[in-house]
Amino acid sequence: GLDEKIEAVTKVCDVAGKEFAIEQAMDKMEGEWKGVNLEIVPYRETGTYVLKGFDVVQQLLDDHIVMTQSMSFSPFKGPFAQRIDDWERLLTLMSEIFEEWVKCQRQWMYLEPIFSSDDIMRQLPTEGKRFVGVDRTWRKLLGTAASDPDAITFCKTPRLLPSFTESNLTLEMVQKGLTEYLETKRAAFARFYFLSNDELLEILSQS
């Protein structure tokens, strides 16, 4: 009696086919992250590391976020709703981590040579202490990334996002204190106004 149920069977097959397409797409996305390693390289003579060549990971992340969000609106996501939600949360977390990480790296790379100067550390003890705290966190996290650079594994490190976020807030305070310090030096000697921050810091670190 299949002929009598052909309409119902066709509908079930159509729904099953679309559900299967979602399952395949999820499997494909998860599979594409296997073997995706972060490029963690030694940074100068600092004894620590930095993230390099992030563009490929960022592109993959952006593409998968768009695809996952599209799936989350599908009327056929039912059997995989929880899996899709979990995957979307992971991708969003990774995106936020990399945004804070790159921001932190930029600030850390700028400030690290400044606060490696004993003279600057003596002249700015509060900012120096704050930078040392962030530097300790940075070395710990990047050491973890270097030992196991798998992108997803590292992004699941406990408290990774808060660590980068808090480090950024601290580095902003350090930068503000440094800027105010340089302004007092310019106010004391007007010719310093003709120098960039980097040039002025070089002079002060050798004074």
C-alpha atoms as a PDB file:
ATOM      1  CA  GLY A   1       0.000   0.000   0.000  1.00  0.00           C
ATOM      2  CA  LEU A   2       2.922   2.318  -0.535  1.00  0.00           C
ATOM      3  CA  ASP A   3       1.077   4.190  -3.283  1.00  0.00           C
ATOM      4  CA  GLU A   4      -1.502   5.316  -0.759  1.00  0.00           C
ATOM      5  CA  LYS A   5       1.171   6.743   1.556  1.00  0.00           C
ATOM      6  CA  ILE A   6       3.485   8.232  -1.074  1.00  0.00           C
ATOM      7  CA  GLU A   7       2.788  11.819   0.000  1.00  0.00           C
ATOM      8  CA  ALA A   8       3.641  11.104   3.663  1.00  0.00           C
ATOM      9  CA  VAL A   9       6.732   9.075   2.712  1.00  0.00           C
ATOM     10  CA  THR A  10       7.950  11.844   0.399  1.00  0.00           C
ATOM     11  CA  LYS A  11       7.531  14.427   3.164  1.00  0.00           C
ATOM     12  CA  VAL A  12       9.450  12.263   5.668  1.00  0.00           C
ATOM     13  CA  CYS A  13      12.246  11.682   3.136  1.00  0.00           C
ATOM     14  CA  ASP A  14      12.450  15.408   2.369  1.00  0.00           C
ATOM     15  CA  VAL A  15      12.746  16.327   6.056  1.00  0.00           C
ATOM     16  CA  ALA A  16      15.258  13.519   6.697  1.00  0.00           C
ATOM     17  CA  GLY A  17      17.360  14.679   3.746  1.00  0.00           C
ATOM     18  CA  LYS A  18      17.525  18.247   5.068  1.00  0.00           C
ATOM     19  CA  GLU A  19      18.350  17.044   8.573  1.00  0.00           C
ATOM     20  CA  PHE A  20      21.092  14.848   7.130  1.00  0.00           C
ATOM     21  CA  ALA A  21      22.515  17.864   5.259  1.00  0.00           C
ATOM     22  CA  ILE A  22      22.766  19.748   8.564  1.00  0.00           C
ATOM     23  CA  GLU A  23      24.465  16.774  10.222  1.00  0.00           C
ATOM     24  CA  GLN A  24      26.948  16.513   7.359  1.00  0.00           C
ATOM     25  CA  ALA A  25      27.686  20.248   7.517  1.00  0.00           C
ATOM     26  CA  MET A  26      28.324  20.017  11.266  1.00  0.00           C
ATOM     27  CA  ASP A  27      30.622  17.018  10.802  1.00  0.00           C
ATOM     28  CA  LYS A  28      32.476  18.874   8.051  1.00  0.00           C
ATOM     29  CA  MET A  29      32.994  21.999  10.152  1.00  0.00           C
ATOM     30  CA  GLU A  30      34.234  20.074  13.156  1.00  0.00           C
ATOM     31  CA  GLY A  31      36.494  18.029  10.900  1.00  0.00           C
ATOM     32  CA  GLU A  32      38.032  21.157   9.375  1.00  0.00           C
ATOM     33  CA  TRP A  33      39.287  22.240  12.813  1.00  0.00           C
ATOM     34  CA  LYS A  34      41.162  18.994  13.380  1.00  0.00           C
ATOM     35  CA  GLY A  35      44.832  19.685  12.886  1.00  0.00           C
ATOM     36  CA  VAL A  36      44.376  23.470  12.855  1.00  0.00           C
ATOM     37  CA  ASN A  37      47.311  24.656  14.938  1.00  0.00           C
ATOM     38  CA  LEU A  38      48.086  28.175  16.043  1.00  0.00           C
ATOM     39  CA  GLU A  39      51.410  29.547  14.840  1.00  0.00           C
ATOM     40  CA  ILE A  40      53.158  30.288  18.135  1.00  0.00           C
ATOM     41  CA  VAL A  41      56.706  31.555  17.631  1.00  0.00           C
ATOM     42  CA  PRO A  42      59.512  32.696  19.968  1.00  0.00           C
ATOM     43  CA  TYR A  43      59.626  36.477  20.353  1.00  0.00           C
ATOM     44  CA  ARG A  44      63.086  38.015  20.157  1.00  0.00           C
ATOM     45  CA  GLU A  45      65.185  37.364  23.275  1.00  0.00           C
ATOM     46  CA  THR A  46      62.261  37.574  25.712  1.00  0.00           C
ATOM     47  CA  GLY A  47      62.071  33.858  26.478  1.00  0.00           C
ATOM     48  CA  THR A  48      58.389  33.804  25.587  1.00  0.00           C
ATOM     49  CA  TYR A  49      56.176  33.577  22.484  1.00  0.00           C
ATOM     50  CA  VAL A  50      53.687  35.462  20.319  1.00  0.00           C
ATOM     51  CA  LEU A  51      50.875  34.495  17.977  1.00  0.00           C
ATOM     52  CA  LYS A  52      51.798  34.818  14.309  1.00  0.00           C
ATOM     53  CA  GLY A  53      49.936  34.309  11.015  1.00  0.00           C
ATOM     54  CA  PHE A  54      46.418  34.494  12.427  1.00  0.00           C
ATOM     55  CA  ASP A  55      44.600  35.306   9.139  1.00  0.00           C
ATOM     56  CA  VAL A  56      43.836  31.701   8.095  1.00  0.00           C
ATOM     57  CA  VAL A  57      42.358  30.847  11.501  1.00  0.00           C
ATOM     58  CA  GLN A  58      40.338  34.087  11.528  1.00  0.00           C
ATOM     59  CA  GLN A  59      38.891  33.367   8.066  1.00  0.00           C
ATOM     60  CA  LEU A  60      37.912  29.825   9.041  1.00  0.00           C
ATOM     61  CA  LEU A  61      36.344  31.114  12.242  1.00  0.00           C
ATOM     62  CA  ASP A  62      34.343  33.831  10.462  1.00  0.00           C
ATOM     63  CA  ASP A  63      33.065  31.394   7.813  1.00  0.00           C
ATOM     64  CA  HIS A  64      31.974  28.828  10.384  1.00  0.00           C
ATOM     65  CA  ILE A  65      30.217  31.396  12.575  1.00  0.00           C
ATOM     66  CA  VAL A  66      28.130  32.512   9.585  1.00  0.00           C
ATOM     67  CA  MET A  67      27.328  28.908   8.618  1.00  0.00           C
ATOM     68  CA  THR A  68      26.397  27.943  12.177  1.00  0.00           C
ATOM     69  CA  GLN A  69      24.165  30.969  12.648  1.00  0.00           C
ATOM     70  CA  SER A  70      22.418  30.099   9.385  1.00  0.00           C
ATOM     71  CA  MET A  71      21.804  26.546  10.635  1.00  0.00           C
ATOM     72  CA  SER A  72      20.418  27.819  13.938  1.00  0.00           C
ATOM     73  CA  PHE A  73      17.520  29.423  12.013  1.00  0.00           C
ATOM     74  CA  SER A  74      16.746  26.273  10.020  1.00  0.00           C
ATOM     75  CA  PRO A  75      13.360  24.641  10.736  1.00  0.00           C
ATOM     76  CA  PHE A  76      15.116  21.268  10.304  1.00  0.00           C
ATOM     77  CA  LYS A  77      17.725  21.728  13.070  1.00  0.00           C
ATOM     78  CA  GLY A  78      15.579  19.829  15.653  1.00  0.00           C
ATOM     79  CA  PRO A  79      17.668  16.680  16.221  1.00  0.00           C
ATOM     80  CA  PHE A  80      20.899  18.737  16.326  1.00  0.00           C
ATOM     81  CA  ALA A  81      19.690  21.885  18.116  1.00  0.00           C
ATOM     82  CA  GLN A  82      21.859  21.326  21.204  1.00  0.00           C
ATOM     83  CA  ARG A  83      24.895  20.406  19.134  1.00  0.00           C
ATOM     84  CA  ILE A  84      24.481  23.540  16.995  1.00  0.00           C
ATOM     85  CA  ASP A  85      24.063  25.748  20.090  1.00  0.00           C
ATOM     86  CA  ASP A  86      27.163  24.267  21.739  1.00  0.00           C
ATOM     87  CA  TRP A  87      29.211  24.702  18.565  1.00  0.00           C
ATOM     88  CA  GLU A  88      28.040  28.292  18.102  1.00  0.00           C
ATOM     89  CA  ARG A  89      28.965  29.110  21.707  1.00  0.00           C
ATOM     90  CA  LEU A  90      32.438  27.621  21.192  1.00  0.00           C
ATOM     91  CA  LEU A  91      33.024  29.585  17.969  1.00  0.00           C
ATOM     92  CA  THR A  92      31.797  32.814  19.572  1.00  0.00           C
ATOM     93  CA  LEU A  93      34.085  32.228  22.551  1.00  0.00           C
ATOM     94  CA  MET A  94      37.035  31.620  20.216  1.00  0.00           C
ATOM     95  CA  SER A  95      36.263  34.815  18.313  1.00  0.00           C
ATOM     96  CA  GLU A  96      36.186  36.831  21.549  1.00  0.00           C
ATOM     97  CA  ILE A  97      39.393  35.183  22.770  1.00  0.00           C
ATOM     98  CA  PHE A  98      41.307  36.003  19.590  1.00  0.00           C
ATOM     99  CA  GLU A  99      40.040  39.593  19.606  1.00  0.00           C
ATOM    100  CA  GLU A 100      41.275  40.147  23.171  1.00  0.00           C
ATOM    101  CA  TRP A 101      44.437  38.124  22.542  1.00  0.00           C
ATOM    102  CA  VAL A 102      45.537  40.165  19.513  1.00  0.00           C
ATOM    103  CA  LYS A 103      44.789  43.398  21.390  1.00  0.00           C
ATOM    104  CA  CYS A 104      46.787  42.185  24.405  1.00  0.00           C
ATOM    105  CA  GLN A 105      49.678  41.057  22.213  1.00  0.00           C
ATOM    106  CA  ARG A 106      49.871  44.445  20.504  1.00  0.00           C
ATOM    107  CA  GLN A 107      50.050  46.277  23.847  1.00  0.00           C
ATOM    108  CA  TRP A 108      52.416  43.771  25.427  1.00  0.00           C
ATOM    109  CA  MET A 109      54.851  43.909  22.484  1.00  0.00           C
ATOM    110  CA  TYR A 110      54.938  47.715  22.693  1.00  0.00           C
ATOM    111  CA  LEU A 111      55.409  47.887  26.467  1.00  0.00           C
ATOM    112  CA  GLU A 112      57.743  44.913  26.999  1.00  0.00           C
ATOM    113  CA  PRO A 113      60.973  46.615  25.812  1.00  0.00           C
ATOM    114  CA  ILE A 114      60.040  49.768  27.746  1.00  0.00           C
ATOM    115  CA  PHE A 115      59.609  47.977  31.064  1.00  0.00           C
ATOM    116  CA  SER A 116      62.653  45.808  30.523  1.00  0.00           C
ATOM    117  CA  SER A 117      64.617  48.981  31.304  1.00  0.00           C
ATOM    118  CA  ASP A 118      65.649  49.169  34.962  1.00  0.00           C
ATOM    119  CA  ASP A 119      65.567  52.983  34.817  1.00  0.00           C
ATOM    120  CA  ILE A 120      61.953  53.070  33.625  1.00  0.00           C
ATOM    121  CA  MET A 121      60.982  50.479  36.240  1.00  0.00           C
ATOM    122  CA  ARG A 122      62.502  52.747  38.941  1.00  0.00           C
ATOM    123  CA  GLN A 123      60.785  55.854  37.625  1.00  0.00           C
ATOM    124  CA  LEU A 124      57.385  54.161  37.196  1.00  0.00           C
ATOM    125  CA  PRO A 125      57.165  51.597  40.019  1.00  0.00           C
ATOM    126  CA  THR A 126      53.338  51.301  40.006  1.00  0.00           C
ATOM    127  CA  GLU A 127      53.081  50.828  36.251  1.00  0.00           C
ATOM    128  CA  GLY A 128      56.107  48.530  36.348  1.00  0.00           C
ATOM    129  CA  LYS A 129      54.484  46.305  38.946  1.00  0.00           C
ATOM    130  CA  ARG A 130      51.275  46.132  36.910  1.00  0.00           C
ATOM    131  CA  PHE A 131      53.166  45.263  33.752  1.00  0.00           C
ATOM    132  CA  VAL A 132      55.115  42.513  35.530  1.00  0.00           C
ATOM    133  CA  GLY A 133      51.797  40.942  36.596  1.00  0.00           C
ATOM    134  CA  VAL A 134      50.493  40.943  33.025  1.00  0.00           C
ATOM    135  CA  ASP A 135      53.845  39.710  31.725  1.00  0.00           C
ATOM    136  CA  ARG A 136      53.667  36.741  34.095  1.00  0.00           C
ATOM    137  CA  THR A 137      50.182  35.857  32.834  1.00  0.00           C
ATOM    138  CA  TRP A 138      51.274  36.294  29.217  1.00  0.00           C
ATOM    139  CA  ARG A 139      54.245  33.959  29.590  1.00  0.00           C
ATOM    140  CA  LYS A 140      52.124  31.310  31.279  1.00  0.00           C
ATOM    141  CA  LEU A 141      49.377  31.373  28.610  1.00  0.00           C
ATOM    142  CA  LEU A 142      51.722  31.524  25.631  1.00  0.00           C
ATOM    143  CA  GLY A 143      53.807  28.731  27.117  1.00  0.00           C
ATOM    144  CA  THR A 144      50.647  26.616  27.243  1.00  0.00           C
ATOM    145  CA  ALA A 145      49.842  27.520  23.627  1.00  0.00           C
ATOM    146  CA  ALA A 146      53.367  26.665  22.475  1.00  0.00           C
ATOM    147  CA  SER A 147      53.270  23.251  24.149  1.00  0.00           C
ATOM    148  CA  ASP A 148      49.905  22.359  22.559  1.00  0.00           C
ATOM    149  CA  PRO A 149      49.034  24.771  19.724  1.00  0.00           C
ATOM    150  CA  ASP A 150      45.778  23.031  18.706  1.00  0.00           C
ATOM    151  CA  ALA A 151      43.405  25.978  18.249  1.00  0.00           C
ATOM    152  CA  ILE A 152      40.286  24.476  19.830  1.00  0.00           C
ATOM    153  CA  THR A 153      42.164  22.788  22.684  1.00  0.00           C
ATOM    154  CA  PHE A 154      43.890  26.019  23.665  1.00  0.00           C
ATOM    155  CA  CYS A 155      40.681  28.078  23.446  1.00  0.00           C
ATOM    156  CA  LYS A 156      39.102  25.686  25.953  1.00  0.00           C
ATOM    157  CA  THR A 157      41.768  26.597  28.525  1.00  0.00           C
ATOM    158  CA  PRO A 158      39.926  27.589  31.744  1.00  0.00           C
ATOM    159  CA  ARG A 159      39.584  31.370  32.295  1.00  0.00           C
ATOM    160  CA  LEU A 160      41.424  32.154  29.069  1.00  0.00           C
ATOM    161  CA  LEU A 161      39.089  34.959  27.941  1.00  0.00           C
ATOM    162  CA  PRO A 162      38.959  36.662  31.384  1.00  0.00           C
ATOM    163  CA  SER A 163      42.758  36.450  31.592  1.00  0.00           C
ATOM    164  CA  PHE A 164      43.226  38.333  28.320  1.00  0.00           C
ATOM    165  CA  THR A 165      40.422  40.793  29.110  1.00  0.00           C
ATOM    166  CA  GLU A 166      41.830  41.620  32.560  1.00  0.00           C
ATOM    167  CA  SER A 167      45.341  41.912  31.101  1.00  0.00           C
ATOM    168  CA  ASN A 168      44.079  44.422  28.537  1.00  0.00           C
ATOM    169  CA  LEU A 169      42.465  46.570  31.227  1.00  0.00           C
ATOM    170  CA  THR A 170      45.693  46.524  33.238  1.00  0.00           C
ATOM    171  CA  LEU A 171      47.837  47.363  30.198  1.00  0.00           C
ATOM    172  CA  GLU A 172      45.552  50.301  29.413  1.00  0.00           C
ATOM    173  CA  MET A 173      46.217  51.643  32.938  1.00  0.00           C
ATOM    174  CA  VAL A 174      49.948  51.113  32.390  1.00  0.00           C
ATOM    175  CA  GLN A 175      49.785  52.965  29.067  1.00  0.00           C
ATOM    176  CA  LYS A 176      47.848  55.823  30.664  1.00  0.00           C
ATOM    177  CA  GLY A 177      50.381  56.125  33.498  1.00  0.00           C
ATOM    178  CA  LEU A 178      53.237  56.051  30.992  1.00  0.00           C
ATOM    179  CA  THR A 179      51.646  58.797  28.884  1.00  0.00           C
ATOM    180  CA  GLU A 180      51.087  61.016  31.949  1.00  0.00           C
ATOM    181  CA  TYR A 181      54.697  60.460  32.987  1.00  0.00           C
ATOM    182  CA  LEU A 182      55.954  61.524  29.559  1.00  0.00           C
ATOM    183  CA  GLU A 183      53.778  64.649  29.683  1.00  0.00           C
ATOM    184  CA  THR A 184      55.397  65.705  32.973  1.00  0.00           C
ATOM    185  CA  LYS A 185      58.820  65.362  31.312  1.00  0.00           C
ATOM    186  CA  ARG A 186      57.669  67.451  28.343  1.00  0.00           C
ATOM    187  CA  ALA A 187      56.282  70.081  30.679  1.00  0.00           C
ATOM    188  CA  ALA A 188      59.667  70.230  32.438  1.00  0.00           C
ATOM    189  CA  PHE A 189      61.643  70.537  29.208  1.00  0.00           C
ATOM    190  CA  ALA A 190      59.692  72.005  26.298  1.00  0.00           C
ATOM    191  CA  ARG A 191      61.958  70.646  23.572  1.00  0.00           C
ATOM    192  CA  PHE A 192      60.685  67.163  24.420  1.00  0.00           C
ATOM    193  CA  TYR A 193      57.432  68.172  22.720  1.00  0.00           C
ATOM    194  CA  PHE A 194      59.243  67.747  19.409  1.00  0.00           C
ATOM    195  CA  LEU A 195      59.958  64.087  20.142  1.00  0.00           C
ATOM    196  CA  SER A 196      57.697  61.074  19.706  1.00  0.00           C
ATOM    197  CA  ASN A 197      56.903  58.926  22.738  1.00  0.00           C
ATOM    198  CA  ASP A 198      59.336  56.259  21.549  1.00  0.00           C
ATOM    199  CA  GLU A 199      62.170  58.758  21.101  1.00  0.00           C
ATOM    200  CA  LEU A 200      61.517  60.330  24.490  1.00  0.00           C
ATOM    201  CA  LEU A 201      61.419  56.931  26.172  1.00  0.00           C
ATOM    202  CA  GLU A 202      64.764  56.042  24.641  1.00  0.00           C
ATOM    203  CA  ILE A 203      66.308  59.174  26.123  1.00  0.00           C
ATOM    204  CA  LEU A 204      64.689  58.669  29.539  1.00  0.00           C
ATOM    205  CA  SER A 205      65.700  55.012  29.711  1.00  0.00           C
ATOM    206  CA  GLN A 206      69.332  56.043  29.249  1.00  0.00           C
ATOM    207  CA  SER A 207      69.270  59.091  31.517  1.00  0.00           C
END
